Amino acid sequence: MCIGNLFETPLSQIMEDYDRKSHPIIGPLAEGGPVALAEKYGLSPGTEYADECHFCYELRRKLREKFPKMLCPDQMYGVIE
């Protein structure tokens, strides 16, 4: 996950502006884990995951279209160009 882009914004500014509670991905994860993230965005969990990390990854993968600048880099989600 990304909280900013160093090519666009200085690190000091990224850190000053960062608020985990208001972050659309990190906020729900910090408050209630992958289940809270699924509930916030109305995502239906599948039935089989290796563990909660696998569940979280699949949720984030589904949310990439909505949050492309936060859920990157592409290589993290199997997109290689």
PDB file of N, CA and C in Angstrom:
ATOM      1  N   MET A   1       0.833  -1.169   0.000  1.00  0.00           N
ATOM      2  CA  MET A   1       0.000   0.000   0.000  1.00  0.00           C
ATOM      3  C   MET A   1       0.875   1.228   0.000  1.00  0.00           C
ATOM      4  N   CYS A   2       0.372   2.277  -0.593  1.00  0.00           N
ATOM      5  CA  CYS A   2       1.099   3.535  -0.663  1.00  0.00           C
ATOM      6  C   CYS A   2       0.368   4.615   0.112  1.00  0.00           C
ATOM      7  N   ILE A   3       1.131   5.438   0.802  1.00  0.00           N
ATOM      8  CA  ILE A   3       0.541   6.594   1.473  1.00  0.00           C
ATOM      9  C   ILE A   3       0.966   7.886   0.782  1.00  0.00           C
ATOM     10  N   GLY A   4       1.758   7.760  -0.280  1.00  0.00           N
ATOM     11  CA  GLY A   4       2.194   8.929  -1.021  1.00  0.00           C
ATOM     12  C   GLY A   4       3.205   8.559  -2.079  1.00  0.00           C
ATOM     13  N   ASN A   5       3.555   9.545  -2.884  1.00  0.00           N
ATOM     14  CA  ASN A   5       4.504   9.344  -3.975  1.00  0.00           C
ATOM     15  C   ASN A   5       5.630  10.355  -3.820  1.00  0.00           C
ATOM     16  N   LEU A   6       6.834   9.853  -3.561  1.00  0.00           N
ATOM     17  CA  LEU A   6       7.985  10.729  -3.345  1.00  0.00           C
ATOM     18  C   LEU A   6       8.366  11.533  -4.578  1.00  0.00           C
ATOM     19  N   PHE A   7       7.918  11.099  -5.754  1.00  0.00           N
ATOM     20  CA  PHE A   7       8.203  11.849  -6.971  1.00  0.00           C
ATOM     21  C   PHE A   7       7.266  13.052  -7.109  1.00  0.00           C
ATOM     22  N   GLU A   8       6.176  13.040  -6.342  1.00  0.00           N
ATOM     23  CA  GLU A   8       5.197  14.121  -6.409  1.00  0.00           C
ATOM     24  C   GLU A   8       5.164  14.990  -5.153  1.00  0.00           C
ATOM     25  N   THR A   9       5.497  14.377  -3.998  1.00  0.00           N
ATOM     26  CA  THR A   9       5.360  15.071  -2.717  1.00  0.00           C
ATOM     27  C   THR A   9       6.552  14.722  -1.832  1.00  0.00           C
ATOM     28  N   PRO A  10       7.141  15.717  -1.169  1.00  0.00           N
ATOM     29  CA  PRO A  10       8.258  15.423  -0.259  1.00  0.00           C
ATOM     30  C   PRO A  10       7.813  14.494   0.881  1.00  0.00           C
ATOM     31  N   LEU A  11       8.727  13.641   1.323  1.00  0.00           N
ATOM     32  CA  LEU A  11       8.432  12.702   2.394  1.00  0.00           C
ATOM     33  C   LEU A  11       7.921  13.418   3.642  1.00  0.00           C
ATOM     34  N   SER A  12       8.506  14.544   3.968  1.00  0.00           N
ATOM     35  CA  SER A  12       8.068  15.282   5.155  1.00  0.00           C
ATOM     36  C   SER A  12       6.595  15.665   5.052  1.00  0.00           C
ATOM     37  N   GLN A  13       6.149  16.045   3.872  1.00  0.00           N
ATOM     38  CA  GLN A  13       4.752  16.419   3.664  1.00  0.00           C
ATOM     39  C   GLN A  13       3.846  15.185   3.717  1.00  0.00           C
ATOM     40  N   ILE A  14       4.307  14.077   3.117  1.00  0.00           N
ATOM     41  CA  ILE A  14       3.530  12.833   3.165  1.00  0.00           C
ATOM     42  C   ILE A  14       3.299  12.427   4.617  1.00  0.00           C
ATOM     43  N   MET A  15       4.348  12.469   5.426  1.00  0.00           N
ATOM     44  CA  MET A  15       4.240  12.063   6.823  1.00  0.00           C
ATOM     45  C   MET A  15       3.384  13.039   7.628  1.00  0.00           C
ATOM     46  N   GLU A  16       3.496  14.306   7.328  1.00  0.00           N
ATOM     47  CA  GLU A  16       2.694  15.309   8.034  1.00  0.00           C
ATOM     48  C   GLU A  16       1.200  15.126   7.736  1.00  0.00           C
ATOM     49  N   ASP A  17       0.873  14.787   6.501  1.00  0.00           N
ATOM     50  CA  ASP A  17      -0.518  14.641   6.080  1.00  0.00           C
ATOM     51  C   ASP A  17      -1.120  13.275   6.423  1.00  0.00           C
ATOM     52  N   TYR A  18      -0.272  12.311   6.746  1.00  0.00           N
ATOM     53  CA  TYR A  18      -0.747  10.939   6.960  1.00  0.00           C
ATOM     54  C   TYR A  18      -1.585  10.820   8.224  1.00  0.00           C
ATOM     55  N   ASP A  19      -2.757  10.229   8.080  1.00  0.00           N
ATOM     56  CA  ASP A  19      -3.643   9.952   9.206  1.00  0.00           C
ATOM     57  C   ASP A  19      -4.249   8.576   8.968  1.00  0.00           C
ATOM     58  N   ARG A  20      -3.760   7.589   9.685  1.00  0.00           N
ATOM     59  CA  ARG A  20      -4.194   6.215   9.427  1.00  0.00           C
ATOM     60  C   ARG A  20      -5.697   6.033   9.596  1.00  0.00           C
ATOM     61  N   LYS A  21      -6.307   6.759  10.520  1.00  0.00           N
ATOM     62  CA  LYS A  21      -7.743   6.594  10.752  1.00  0.00           C
ATOM     63  C   LYS A  21      -8.584   7.031   9.565  1.00  0.00           C
ATOM     64  N   SER A  22      -8.117   8.032   8.828  1.00  0.00           N
ATOM     65  CA  SER A  22      -8.905   8.520   7.693  1.00  0.00           C
ATOM     66  C   SER A  22      -8.496   7.875   6.365  1.00  0.00           C
ATOM     67  N   HIS A  23      -7.437   7.073   6.371  1.00  0.00           N
ATOM     68  CA  HIS A  23      -7.004   6.398   5.151  1.00  0.00           C
ATOM     69  C   HIS A  23      -8.049   5.349   4.785  1.00  0.00           C
ATOM     70  N   PRO A  24      -8.518   5.329   3.520  1.00  0.00           N
ATOM     71  CA  PRO A  24      -9.603   4.424   3.148  1.00  0.00           C
ATOM     72  C   PRO A  24      -9.273   2.935   3.195  1.00  0.00           C
ATOM     73  N   ILE A  25      -8.017   2.572   3.202  1.00  0.00           N
ATOM     74  CA  ILE A  25      -7.628   1.161   3.290  1.00  0.00           C
ATOM     75  C   ILE A  25      -7.039   0.852   4.667  1.00  0.00           C
ATOM     76  N   ILE A  26      -6.048   1.621   5.080  1.00  0.00           N
ATOM     77  CA  ILE A  26      -5.358   1.366   6.341  1.00  0.00           C
ATOM     78  C   ILE A  26      -6.283   1.570   7.537  1.00  0.00           C
ATOM     79  N   GLY A  27      -7.166   2.558   7.474  1.00  0.00           N
ATOM     80  CA  GLY A  27      -8.083   2.833   8.579  1.00  0.00           C
ATOM     81  C   GLY A  27      -8.904   1.617   8.975  1.00  0.00           C
ATOM     82  N   PRO A  28      -9.677   1.055   8.031  1.00  0.00           N
ATOM     83  CA  PRO A  28     -10.466  -0.128   8.389  1.00  0.00           C
ATOM     84  C   PRO A  28      -9.608  -1.323   8.816  1.00  0.00           C
ATOM     85  N   LEU A  29      -8.465  -1.504   8.152  1.00  0.00           N
ATOM     86  CA  LEU A  29      -7.591  -2.627   8.521  1.00  0.00           C
ATOM     87  C   LEU A  29      -7.073  -2.468   9.948  1.00  0.00           C
ATOM     88  N   ALA A  30      -6.686  -1.252  10.311  1.00  0.00           N
ATOM     89  CA  ALA A  30      -6.168  -1.010  11.660  1.00  0.00           C
ATOM     90  C   ALA A  30      -7.260  -1.165  12.717  1.00  0.00           C
ATOM     91  N   GLU A  31      -8.483  -0.812  12.371  1.00  0.00           N
ATOM     92  CA  GLU A  31      -9.580  -0.876  13.336  1.00  0.00           C
ATOM     93  C   GLU A  31     -10.153  -2.286  13.518  1.00  0.00           C
ATOM     94  N   GLY A  32     -10.225  -3.060  12.430  1.00  0.00           N
ATOM     95  CA  GLY A  32     -10.879  -4.359  12.562  1.00  0.00           C
ATOM     96  C   GLY A  32     -10.379  -5.433  11.629  1.00  0.00           C
ATOM     97  N   GLY A  33      -9.223  -5.202  11.015  1.00  0.00           N
ATOM     98  CA  GLY A  33      -8.644  -6.205  10.134  1.00  0.00           C
ATOM     99  C   GLY A  33      -9.389  -6.348   8.815  1.00  0.00           C
ATOM    100  N   PRO A  34      -9.114  -7.425   8.095  1.00  0.00           N
ATOM    101  CA  PRO A  34      -9.717  -7.632   6.783  1.00  0.00           C
ATOM    102  C   PRO A  34     -11.248  -7.671   6.800  1.00  0.00           C
ATOM    103  N   VAL A  35     -11.837  -8.155   7.881  1.00  0.00           N
ATOM    104  CA  VAL A  35     -13.299  -8.206   7.958  1.00  0.00           C
ATOM    105  C   VAL A  35     -13.875  -6.796   7.921  1.00  0.00           C
ATOM    106  N   ALA A  36     -13.264  -5.858   8.640  1.00  0.00           N
ATOM    107  CA  ALA A  36     -13.728  -4.466   8.641  1.00  0.00           C
ATOM    108  C   ALA A  36     -13.573  -3.845   7.260  1.00  0.00           C
ATOM    109  N   LEU A  37     -12.493  -4.174   6.556  1.00  0.00           N
ATOM    110  CA  LEU A  37     -12.294  -3.658   5.202  1.00  0.00           C
ATOM    111  C   LEU A  37     -13.387  -4.188   4.278  1.00  0.00           C
ATOM    112  N   ALA A  38     -13.689  -5.456   4.373  1.00  0.00           N
ATOM    113  CA  ALA A  38     -14.748  -6.057   3.549  1.00  0.00           C
ATOM    114  C   ALA A  38     -16.092  -5.403   3.847  1.00  0.00           C
ATOM    115  N   GLU A  39     -16.387  -5.201   5.105  1.00  0.00           N
ATOM    116  CA  GLU A  39     -17.667  -4.596   5.486  1.00  0.00           C
ATOM    117  C   GLU A  39     -17.776  -3.157   4.992  1.00  0.00           C
ATOM    118  N   LYS A  40     -16.699  -2.388   5.115  1.00  0.00           N
ATOM    119  CA  LYS A  40     -16.721  -0.978   4.704  1.00  0.00           C
ATOM    120  C   LYS A  40     -17.093  -0.833   3.232  1.00  0.00           C
ATOM    121  N   TYR A  41     -16.597  -1.735   2.396  1.00  0.00           N
ATOM    122  CA  TYR A  41     -16.815  -1.615   0.957  1.00  0.00           C
ATOM    123  C   TYR A  41     -17.816  -2.625   0.406  1.00  0.00           C
ATOM    124  N   GLY A  42     -18.522  -3.308   1.292  1.00  0.00           N
ATOM    125  CA  GLY A  42     -19.559  -4.237   0.863  1.00  0.00           C
ATOM    126  C   GLY A  42     -19.045  -5.397   0.035  1.00  0.00           C
ATOM    127  N   LEU A  43     -17.844  -5.866   0.362  1.00  0.00           N
ATOM    128  CA  LEU A  43     -17.261  -6.991  -0.369  1.00  0.00           C
ATOM    129  C   LEU A  43     -17.639  -8.296   0.317  1.00  0.00           C
ATOM    130  N   SER A  44     -18.060  -9.230  -0.464  1.00  0.00           N
ATOM    131  CA  SER A  44     -18.408 -10.540   0.073  1.00  0.00           C
ATOM    132  C   SER A  44     -17.172 -11.415   0.109  1.00  0.00           C
ATOM    133  N   PRO A  45     -16.851 -11.912   1.277  1.00  0.00           N
ATOM    134  CA  PRO A  45     -15.693 -12.806   1.334  1.00  0.00           C
ATOM    135  C   PRO A  45     -15.991 -14.134   0.656  1.00  0.00           C
ATOM    136  N   GLY A  46     -14.950 -14.717   0.098  1.00  0.00           N
ATOM    137  CA  GLY A  46     -15.073 -16.059  -0.463  1.00  0.00           C
ATOM    138  C   GLY A  46     -15.166 -17.050   0.690  1.00  0.00           C
ATOM    139  N   THR A  47     -15.046 -18.292   0.378  1.00  0.00           N
ATOM    140  CA  THR A  47     -15.193 -19.302   1.417  1.00  0.00           C
ATOM    141  C   THR A  47     -13.873 -19.914   1.872  1.00  0.00           C
ATOM    142  N   GLU A  48     -12.832 -19.803   1.058  1.00  0.00           N
ATOM    143  CA  GLU A  48     -11.579 -20.450   1.434  1.00  0.00           C
ATOM    144  C   GLU A  48     -10.381 -19.529   1.230  1.00  0.00           C
ATOM    145  N   TYR A  49      -9.640 -19.337   2.311  1.00  0.00           N
ATOM    146  CA  TYR A  49      -8.403 -18.559   2.282  1.00  0.00           C
ATOM    147  C   TYR A  49      -7.370 -19.317   3.103  1.00  0.00           C
ATOM    148  N   ALA A  50      -6.123 -19.187   2.729  1.00  0.00           N
ATOM    149  CA  ALA A  50      -5.063 -19.856   3.475  1.00  0.00           C
ATOM    150  C   ALA A  50      -4.945 -19.270   4.879  1.00  0.00           C
ATOM    151  N   ASP A  51      -5.128 -17.950   4.986  1.00  0.00           N
ATOM    152  CA  ASP A  51      -5.061 -17.254   6.268  1.00  0.00           C
ATOM    153  C   ASP A  51      -5.613 -15.852   6.084  1.00  0.00           C
ATOM    154  N   GLU A  52      -5.580 -15.032   7.147  1.00  0.00           N
ATOM    155  CA  GLU A  52      -6.148 -13.689   7.020  1.00  0.00           C
ATOM    156  C   GLU A  52      -5.329 -12.799   6.085  1.00  0.00           C
ATOM    157  N   CYS A  53      -4.051 -13.088   5.918  1.00  0.00           N
ATOM    158  CA  CYS A  53      -3.229 -12.322   4.968  1.00  0.00           C
ATOM    159  C   CYS A  53      -3.725 -12.559   3.535  1.00  0.00           C
ATOM    160  N   HIS A  54      -4.050 -13.786   3.230  1.00  0.00           N
ATOM    161  CA  HIS A  54      -4.578 -14.138   1.910  1.00  0.00           C
ATOM    162  C   HIS A  54      -5.918 -13.441   1.690  1.00  0.00           C
ATOM    163  N   PHE A  55      -6.779 -13.437   2.701  1.00  0.00           N
ATOM    164  CA  PHE A  55      -8.073 -12.764   2.640  1.00  0.00           C
ATOM    165  C   PHE A  55      -7.883 -11.268   2.389  1.00  0.00           C
ATOM    166  N   CYS A  56      -6.974 -10.644   3.119  1.00  0.00           N
ATOM    167  CA  CYS A  56      -6.695  -9.218   2.976  1.00  0.00           C
ATOM    168  C   CYS A  56      -6.179  -8.905   1.573  1.00  0.00           C
ATOM    169  N   TYR A  57      -5.267  -9.715   1.075  1.00  0.00           N
ATOM    170  CA  TYR A  57      -4.726  -9.530  -0.274  1.00  0.00           C
ATOM    171  C   TYR A  57      -5.850  -9.556  -1.310  1.00  0.00           C
ATOM    172  N   GLU A  58      -6.740 -10.521  -1.209  1.00  0.00           N
ATOM    173  CA  GLU A  58      -7.838 -10.629  -2.177  1.00  0.00           C
ATOM    174  C   GLU A  58      -8.776  -9.433  -2.092  1.00  0.00           C
ATOM    175  N   LEU A  59      -9.034  -8.936  -0.897  1.00  0.00           N
ATOM    176  CA  LEU A  59      -9.868  -7.740  -0.746  1.00  0.00           C
ATOM    177  C   LEU A  59      -9.203  -6.538  -1.404  1.00  0.00           C
ATOM    178  N   ARG A  60      -7.913  -6.356  -1.125  1.00  0.00           N
ATOM    179  CA  ARG A  60      -7.185  -5.226  -1.709  1.00  0.00           C
ATOM    180  C   ARG A  60      -7.129  -5.341  -3.228  1.00  0.00           C
ATOM    181  N   ARG A  61      -6.957  -6.549  -3.721  1.00  0.00           N
ATOM    182  CA  ARG A  61      -6.935  -6.757  -5.173  1.00  0.00           C
ATOM    183  C   ARG A  61      -8.262  -6.312  -5.788  1.00  0.00           C
ATOM    184  N   LYS A  62      -9.366  -6.633  -5.121  1.00  0.00           N
ATOM    185  CA  LYS A  62     -10.683  -6.223  -5.622  1.00  0.00           C
ATOM    186  C   LYS A  62     -10.874  -4.711  -5.565  1.00  0.00           C
ATOM    187  N   LEU A  63     -10.190  -4.045  -4.648  1.00  0.00           N
ATOM    188  CA  LEU A  63     -10.342  -2.602  -4.480  1.00  0.00           C
ATOM    189  C   LEU A  63      -9.370  -1.776  -5.321  1.00  0.00           C
ATOM    190  N   ARG A  64      -8.484  -2.417  -6.052  1.00  0.00           N
ATOM    191  CA  ARG A  64      -7.465  -1.692  -6.823  1.00  0.00           C
ATOM    192  C   ARG A  64      -8.052  -0.734  -7.846  1.00  0.00           C
ATOM    193  N   GLU A  65      -9.154  -1.105  -8.462  1.00  0.00           N
ATOM    194  CA  GLU A  65      -9.761  -0.228  -9.458  1.00  0.00           C
ATOM    195  C   GLU A  65     -10.243   1.077  -8.815  1.00  0.00           C
ATOM    196  N   LYS A  66     -10.730   0.982  -7.607  1.00  0.00           N
ATOM    197  CA  LYS A  66     -11.240   2.151  -6.888  1.00  0.00           C
ATOM    198  C   LYS A  66     -10.108   2.997  -6.303  1.00  0.00           C
ATOM    199  N   PHE A  67      -9.002   2.363  -5.904  1.00  0.00           N
ATOM    200  CA  PHE A  67      -7.885   3.052  -5.260  1.00  0.00           C
ATOM    201  C   PHE A  67      -6.545   2.721  -5.920  1.00  0.00           C
ATOM    202  N   PRO A  68      -6.378   3.021  -7.207  1.00  0.00           N
ATOM    203  CA  PRO A  68      -5.152   2.609  -7.902  1.00  0.00           C
ATOM    204  C   PRO A  68      -3.872   3.264  -7.376  1.00  0.00           C
ATOM    205  N   LYS A  69      -3.956   4.478  -6.863  1.00  0.00           N
ATOM    206  CA  LYS A  69      -2.748   5.151  -6.365  1.00  0.00           C
ATOM    207  C   LYS A  69      -2.360   4.697  -4.967  1.00  0.00           C
ATOM    208  N   MET A  70      -3.279   4.041  -4.275  1.00  0.00           N
ATOM    209  CA  MET A  70      -2.987   3.560  -2.924  1.00  0.00           C
ATOM    210  C   MET A  70      -2.611   2.086  -2.912  1.00  0.00           C
ATOM    211  N   LEU A  71      -3.214   1.317  -3.795  1.00  0.00           N
ATOM    212  CA  LEU A  71      -2.963  -0.123  -3.827  1.00  0.00           C
ATOM    213  C   LEU A  71      -2.021  -0.429  -4.986  1.00  0.00           C
ATOM    214  N   CYS A  72      -0.774  -0.151  -4.743  1.00  0.00           N
ATOM    215  CA  CYS A  72       0.267  -0.326  -5.738  1.00  0.00           C
ATOM    216  C   CYS A  72       1.539  -0.718  -5.002  1.00  0.00           C
ATOM    217  N   PRO A  73       2.571  -1.114  -5.681  1.00  0.00           N
ATOM    218  CA  PRO A  73       2.769  -1.131  -7.127  1.00  0.00           C
ATOM    219  C   PRO A  73       2.060  -2.319  -7.779  1.00  0.00           C
ATOM    220  N   ASP A  74       1.911  -2.222  -9.091  1.00  0.00           N
ATOM    221  CA  ASP A  74       1.233  -3.266  -9.851  1.00  0.00           C
ATOM    222  C   ASP A  74       1.844  -4.647  -9.641  1.00  0.00           C
ATOM    223  N   GLN A  75       3.173  -4.698  -9.517  1.00  0.00           N
ATOM    224  CA  GLN A  75       3.859  -5.982  -9.361  1.00  0.00           C
ATOM    225  C   GLN A  75       3.397  -6.726  -8.100  1.00  0.00           C
ATOM    226  N   MET A  76       2.961  -5.982  -7.105  1.00  0.00           N
ATOM    227  CA  MET A  76       2.466  -6.590  -5.863  1.00  0.00           C
ATOM    228  C   MET A  76       1.224  -7.425  -6.119  1.00  0.00           C
ATOM    229  N   TYR A  77       0.506  -7.086  -7.188  1.00  0.00           N
ATOM    230  CA  TYR A  77      -0.746  -7.768  -7.515  1.00  0.00           C
ATOM    231  C   TYR A  77      -0.628  -8.587  -8.789  1.00  0.00           C
ATOM    232  N   GLY A  78       0.582  -8.941  -9.167  1.00  0.00           N
ATOM    233  CA  GLY A  78       0.790  -9.842 -10.289  1.00  0.00           C
ATOM    234  C   GLY A  78       0.745  -9.203 -11.663  1.00  0.00           C
ATOM    235  N   VAL A  79       0.724  -7.876 -11.740  1.00  0.00           N
ATOM    236  CA  VAL A  79       0.689  -7.174 -13.026  1.00  0.00           C
ATOM    237  C   VAL A  79       2.127  -6.821 -13.392  1.00  0.00           C
ATOM    238  N   ILE A  80       2.608  -7.422 -14.464  1.00  0.00           N
ATOM    239  CA  ILE A  80       3.990  -7.178 -14.905  1.00  0.00           C
ATOM    240  C   ILE A  80       3.941  -6.634 -16.318  1.00  0.00           C
ATOM    241  N   GLU A  81       4.521  -5.482 -16.497  1.00  0.00           N
ATOM    242  CA  GLU A  81       4.557  -4.879 -17.833  1.00  0.00           C
ATOM    243  C   GLU A  81       5.961  -4.569 -18.239  1.00  0.00           C
TER     244      GLU A  81
END
